[in-house]
PDB file of all heavy atoms in Angstrom:
ATOM      1  N   LEU A   1     101.245  10.486 250.605  1.00  0.00           N
ATOM      2  CA  LEU A   1     100.661   9.223 250.177  1.00  0.00           C
ATOM      3  C   LEU A   1     101.233   8.080 251.078  1.00  0.00           C
ATOM      4  O   LEU A   1     100.377   7.301 251.462  1.00  0.00           O
ATOM      5  CB  LEU A   1     101.024   9.048 248.754  1.00  0.00           C
ATOM      6  CG  LEU A   1     100.323   7.790 248.046  1.00  0.00           C
ATOM      7  CD1 LEU A   1      98.774   8.021 248.158  1.00  0.00           C
ATOM      8  CD2 LEU A   1     100.795   7.734 246.644  1.00  0.00           C
ATOM      9  N   VAL A   2     102.487   8.167 251.387  1.00  0.00           N
ATOM     10  CA  VAL A   2     103.002   7.105 252.270  1.00  0.00           C
ATOM     11  C   VAL A   2     102.391   7.155 253.574  1.00  0.00           C
ATOM     12  O   VAL A   2     102.132   6.060 254.216  1.00  0.00           O
ATOM     13  CB  VAL A   2     104.558   7.177 252.296  1.00  0.00           C
ATOM     14  CG1 VAL A   2     105.135   6.272 253.400  1.00  0.00           C
ATOM     15  CG2 VAL A   2     105.229   7.050 250.942  1.00  0.00           C
ATOM     16  N   ARG A   3     102.207   8.340 254.068  1.00  0.00           N
ATOM     17  CA  ARG A   3     101.575   8.495 255.511  1.00  0.00           C
ATOM     18  C   ARG A   3     100.191   7.913 255.597  1.00  0.00           C
ATOM     19  O   ARG A   3      99.707   7.679 256.621  1.00  0.00           O
ATOM     20  CB  ARG A   3     101.665  10.001 255.877  1.00  0.00           C
ATOM     21  CG  ARG A   3     103.064  10.349 256.429  1.00  0.00           C
ATOM     22  CD  ARG A   3     102.974  11.672 257.104  1.00  0.00           C
ATOM     23  NE  ARG A   3     102.716  12.839 256.231  1.00  0.00           N
ATOM     24  CZ  ARG A   3     103.552  13.437 255.434  1.00  0.00           C
ATOM     25  NH1 ARG A   3     104.835  13.194 255.439  1.00  0.00           N
ATOM     26  NH2 ARG A   3     103.082  14.463 254.760  1.00  0.00           N
ATOM     27  N   LEU A   4      99.426   7.874 254.430  1.00  0.00           N
ATOM     28  CA  LEU A   4      98.202   7.247 254.524  1.00  0.00           C
ATOM     29  C   LEU A   4      98.221   5.832 255.036  1.00  0.00           C
ATOM     30  O   LEU A   4      97.341   5.379 255.722  1.00  0.00           O
ATOM     31  CB  LEU A   4      97.446   7.173 253.075  1.00  0.00           C
ATOM     32  CG  LEU A   4      96.801   8.502 252.628  1.00  0.00           C
ATOM     33  CD1 LEU A   4      96.420   8.369 251.186  1.00  0.00           C
ATOM     34  CD2 LEU A   4      95.733   8.974 253.513  1.00  0.00           C
ATOM     35  N   GLY A   5      99.255   5.085 254.596  1.00  0.00           N
ATOM     36  CA  GLY A   5      99.378   3.668 255.005  1.00  0.00           C
ATOM     37  C   GLY A   5      98.424   2.724 254.539  1.00  0.00           C
ATOM     38  O   GLY A   5      98.239   1.624 255.078  1.00  0.00           O
ATOM     39  N   ARG A   6      97.790   3.115 253.415  1.00  0.00           N
ATOM     40  CA  ARG A   6      96.785   2.222 252.745  1.00  0.00           C
ATOM     41  C   ARG A   6      96.530   2.721 251.283  1.00  0.00           C
ATOM     42  O   ARG A   6      97.083   3.822 250.959  1.00  0.00           O
ATOM     43  CB  ARG A   6      95.528   2.241 253.541  1.00  0.00           C
ATOM     44  CG  ARG A   6      94.866   3.677 253.596  1.00  0.00           C
ATOM     45  CD  ARG A   6      93.447   3.720 254.122  1.00  0.00           C
ATOM     46  NE  ARG A   6      92.999   4.982 254.368  1.00  0.00           N
ATOM     47  CZ  ARG A   6      92.636   5.881 253.464  1.00  0.00           C
ATOM     48  NH1 ARG A   6      92.748   5.601 252.252  1.00  0.00           N
ATOM     49  NH2 ARG A   6      92.278   7.128 253.869  1.00  0.00           N
ATOM     50  N   ARG A   7      95.697   1.993 250.548  1.00  0.00           N
ATOM     51  CA  ARG A   7      95.454   2.538 249.193  1.00  0.00           C
ATOM     52  C   ARG A   7      94.744   3.925 249.330  1.00  0.00           C
ATOM     53  O   ARG A   7      93.801   4.081 250.073  1.00  0.00           O
ATOM     54  CB  ARG A   7      94.560   1.533 248.504  1.00  0.00           C
ATOM     55  CG  ARG A   7      95.332   0.290 248.069  1.00  0.00           C
ATOM     56  CD  ARG A   7      94.427  -0.503 247.019  1.00  0.00           C
ATOM     57  NE  ARG A   7      94.966  -1.872 246.909  1.00  0.00           N
ATOM     58  CZ  ARG A   7      95.999  -2.155 246.128  1.00  0.00           C
ATOM     59  NH1 ARG A   7      96.585  -1.104 245.442  1.00  0.00           N
ATOM     60  NH2 ARG A   7      96.427  -3.303 245.957  1.00  0.00           N
ATOM     61  N   ALA A   8      95.085   4.844 248.539  1.00  0.00           N
ATOM     62  CA  ALA A   8      94.445   6.123 248.435  1.00  0.00           C
ATOM     63  C   ALA A   8      93.226   5.931 247.630  1.00  0.00           C
ATOM     64  O   ALA A   8      93.140   5.166 246.758  1.00  0.00           O
ATOM     65  CB  ALA A   8      95.436   7.169 247.771  1.00  0.00           C
ATOM     66  N   THR A   9      92.253   6.820 247.869  1.00  0.00           N
ATOM     67  CA  THR A   9      90.984   6.946 247.059  1.00  0.00           C
ATOM     68  C   THR A   9      91.268   7.894 245.981  1.00  0.00           C
ATOM     69  O   THR A   9      92.243   8.708 246.071  1.00  0.00           O
ATOM     70  CB  THR A   9      89.815   7.411 247.917  1.00  0.00           C
ATOM     71  OG1 THR A   9      90.077   8.737 248.319  1.00  0.00           O
ATOM     72  CG2 THR A   9      89.556   6.446 249.133  1.00  0.00           C
ATOM     73  N   VAL A  10      90.427   7.921 244.998  1.00  0.00           N
ATOM     74  CA  VAL A  10      90.599   8.904 243.854  1.00  0.00           C
ATOM     75  C   VAL A  10      90.449  10.337 244.419  1.00  0.00           C
ATOM     76  O   VAL A  10      91.212  11.236 244.017  1.00  0.00           O
ATOM     77  CB  VAL A  10      89.565   8.575 242.853  1.00  0.00           C
ATOM     78  CG1 VAL A  10      89.547   9.716 241.731  1.00  0.00           C
ATOM     79  CG2 VAL A  10      89.752   7.264 242.156  1.00  0.00           C
ATOM     80  N   GLN A  11      89.599  10.532 245.429  1.00  0.00           N
ATOM     81  CA  GLN A  11      89.398  11.768 246.005  1.00  0.00           C
ATOM     82  C   GLN A  11      90.678  12.227 246.781  1.00  0.00           C
ATOM     83  O   GLN A  11      90.988  13.439 246.695  1.00  0.00           O
ATOM     84  CB  GLN A  11      88.175  11.874 246.950  1.00  0.00           C
ATOM     85  CG  GLN A  11      86.846  11.596 246.269  1.00  0.00           C
ATOM     86  CD  GLN A  11      86.548  10.097 245.931  1.00  0.00           C
ATOM     87  OE1 GLN A  11      87.262   9.226 246.323  1.00  0.00           O
ATOM     88  NE2 GLN A  11      85.478   9.949 245.073  1.00  0.00           N
ATOM     89  N   GLU A  12      91.329  11.270 247.456  1.00  0.00           N
ATOM     90  CA  GLU A  12      92.566  11.675 248.124  1.00  0.00           C
ATOM     91  C   GLU A  12      93.648  12.004 247.225  1.00  0.00           C
ATOM     92  O   GLU A  12      94.413  12.981 247.451  1.00  0.00           O
ATOM     93  CB  GLU A  12      92.969  10.475 249.051  1.00  0.00           C
ATOM     94  CG  GLU A  12      92.072  10.379 250.268  1.00  0.00           C
ATOM     95  CD  GLU A  12      92.190   9.029 251.028  1.00  0.00           C
ATOM     96  OE1 GLU A  12      92.589   8.090 250.455  1.00  0.00           O
ATOM     97  OE2 GLU A  12      91.806   9.087 252.266  1.00  0.00           O
ATOM     98  N   LEU A  13      93.732  11.279 246.078  1.00  0.00           N
ATOM     99  CA  LEU A  13      94.785  11.694 245.100  1.00  0.00           C
ATOM    100  C   LEU A  13      94.433  13.135 244.577  1.00  0.00           C
ATOM    101  O   LEU A  13      95.331  13.802 244.246  1.00  0.00           O
ATOM    102  CB  LEU A  13      94.782  10.696 243.942  1.00  0.00           C
ATOM    103  CG  LEU A  13      95.369   9.327 244.275  1.00  0.00           C
ATOM    104  CD1 LEU A  13      95.353   8.434 243.087  1.00  0.00           C
ATOM    105  CD2 LEU A  13      96.783   9.455 244.828  1.00  0.00           C
ATOM    106  N   GLY A  14      93.155  13.437 244.408  1.00  0.00           N
ATOM    107  CA  GLY A  14      92.813  14.784 243.977  1.00  0.00           C
ATOM    108  C   GLY A  14      93.144  15.789 244.882  1.00  0.00           C
ATOM    109  O   GLY A  14      93.593  16.892 244.492  1.00  0.00           O
ATOM    110  N   ALA A  15      93.011  15.544 246.252  1.00  0.00           N
ATOM    111  CA  ALA A  15      93.367  16.419 247.172  1.00  0.00           C
ATOM    112  C   ALA A  15      94.908  16.684 247.277  1.00  0.00           C
ATOM    113  O   ALA A  15      95.398  17.752 247.307  1.00  0.00           O
ATOM    114  CB  ALA A  15      92.849  15.969 248.612  1.00  0.00           C
ATOM    115  N   LEU A  16      95.660  15.530 246.991  1.00  0.00           N
ATOM    116  CA  LEU A  16      97.116  15.669 246.980  1.00  0.00           C
ATOM    117  C   LEU A  16      97.609  16.638 245.835  1.00  0.00           C
ATOM    118  O   LEU A  16      98.432  17.382 245.875  1.00  0.00           O
ATOM    119  CB  LEU A  16      97.830  14.406 246.932  1.00  0.00           C
ATOM    120  CG  LEU A  16      97.680  13.516 248.175  1.00  0.00           C
ATOM    121  CD1 LEU A  16      98.359  12.137 247.996  1.00  0.00           C
ATOM    122  CD2 LEU A  16      98.384  14.194 249.403  1.00  0.00           C
ATOM    123  N   ASP A  17      96.916  16.336 244.691  1.00  0.00           N
ATOM    124  CA  ASP A  17      97.180  17.164 243.464  1.00  0.00           C
ATOM    125  C   ASP A  17      96.864  18.613 243.698  1.00  0.00           C
ATOM    126  O   ASP A  17      97.645  19.495 243.381  1.00  0.00           O
ATOM    127  CB  ASP A  17      96.375  16.595 242.334  1.00  0.00           C
ATOM    128  CG  ASP A  17      96.512  17.393 241.005  1.00  0.00           C
ATOM    129  OD1 ASP A  17      97.715  17.880 240.770  1.00  0.00           O
ATOM    130  OD2 ASP A  17      95.659  17.390 240.156  1.00  0.00           O
ATOM    131  N   LEU A  18      95.760  18.889 244.349  1.00  0.00           N
ATOM    132  CA  LEU A  18      95.351  20.303 244.694  1.00  0.00           C
ATOM    133  C   LEU A  18      96.385  20.963 245.546  1.00  0.00           C
ATOM    134  O   LEU A  18      96.810  22.040 245.320  1.00  0.00           O
ATOM    135  CB  LEU A  18      93.962  20.336 245.334  1.00  0.00           C
ATOM    136  CG  LEU A  18      93.483  21.697 245.745  1.00  0.00           C
ATOM    137  CD1 LEU A  18      93.225  22.575 244.525  1.00  0.00           C
ATOM    138  CD2 LEU A  18      92.171  21.579 246.498  1.00  0.00           C
ATOM    139  N   LEU A  19      96.778  20.211 246.607  1.00  0.00           N
ATOM    140  CA  LEU A  19      97.846  20.729 247.519  1.00  0.00           C
ATOM    141  C   LEU A  19      99.085  21.002 246.847  1.00  0.00           C
ATOM    142  O   LEU A  19      99.752  22.012 247.011  1.00  0.00           O
ATOM    143  CB  LEU A  19      98.000  19.813 248.671  1.00  0.00           C
ATOM    144  CG  LEU A  19      96.786  19.781 249.709  1.00  0.00           C
ATOM    145  CD1 LEU A  19      97.000  18.675 250.705  1.00  0.00           C
ATOM    146  CD2 LEU A  19      96.607  21.176 250.312  1.00  0.00           C
ATOM    147  N   ALA A  20      99.494  20.112 245.912  1.00  0.00           N
ATOM    148  CA  ALA A  20     100.769  20.254 245.218  1.00  0.00           C
ATOM    149  C   ALA A  20     100.697  21.397 244.258  1.00  0.00           C
ATOM    150  O   ALA A  20     101.754  22.123 243.956  1.00  0.00           O
ATOM    151  CB  ALA A  20     101.157  18.898 244.578  1.00  0.00           C
ATOM    152  N   SER A  21      99.490  21.706 243.772  1.00  0.00           N
ATOM    153  CA  SER A  21      99.406  22.807 242.789  1.00  0.00           C
ATOM    154  C   SER A  21      99.290  24.160 243.462  1.00  0.00           C
ATOM    155  O   SER A  21      99.472  25.152 242.707  1.00  0.00           O
ATOM    156  CB  SER A  21      98.124  22.554 241.971  1.00  0.00           C
ATOM    157  OG  SER A  21      98.108  21.309 241.292  1.00  0.00           O
ATOM    158  N   ASN A  22      99.001  24.215 244.813  1.00  0.00           N
ATOM    159  CA  ASN A  22      98.781  25.444 245.471  1.00  0.00           C
ATOM    160  C   ASN A  22      99.702  25.439 246.727  1.00  0.00           C
ATOM    161  O   ASN A  22      99.266  25.335 247.864  1.00  0.00           O
ATOM    162  CB  ASN A  22      97.390  25.603 245.798  1.00  0.00           C
ATOM    163  CG  ASN A  22      96.477  25.739 244.633  1.00  0.00           C
ATOM    164  OD1 ASN A  22      96.588  26.591 243.897  1.00  0.00           O
ATOM    165  ND2 ASN A  22      95.822  24.627 244.405  1.00  0.00           N
ATOM    166  N   PRO A  23     101.004  25.663 246.612  1.00  0.00           N
ATOM    167  CA  PRO A  23     101.883  25.608 247.694  1.00  0.00           C
ATOM    168  C   PRO A  23     101.579  26.795 248.644  1.00  0.00           C
ATOM    169  O   PRO A  23     101.168  27.906 248.201  1.00  0.00           O
ATOM    170  CB  PRO A  23     103.314  25.724 247.094  1.00  0.00           C
ATOM    171  CG  PRO A  23     103.157  26.278 245.711  1.00  0.00           C
ATOM    172  CD  PRO A  23     101.774  25.845 245.274  1.00  0.00           C
ATOM    173  N   LEU A  24     101.792  26.640 249.942  1.00  0.00           N
ATOM    174  CA  LEU A  24     101.511  27.649 250.989  1.00  0.00           C
ATOM    175  C   LEU A  24     102.468  28.813 250.952  1.00  0.00           C
ATOM    176  O   LEU A  24     102.150  29.783 251.255  1.00  0.00           O
ATOM    177  CB  LEU A  24     101.440  26.919 252.295  1.00  0.00           C
ATOM    178  CG  LEU A  24     100.969  27.800 253.461  1.00  0.00           C
ATOM    179  CD1 LEU A  24      99.653  28.326 253.276  1.00  0.00           C
ATOM    180  CD2 LEU A  24     100.878  26.869 254.836  1.00  0.00           C
TER     181      LEU A  24
END
């Protein structure tokens, strides 16, 4: 989220949640 360097969109927060829920 910090690397975005701007306000996140709701969709970007959803993507971060998905990635956090499914570790590689």
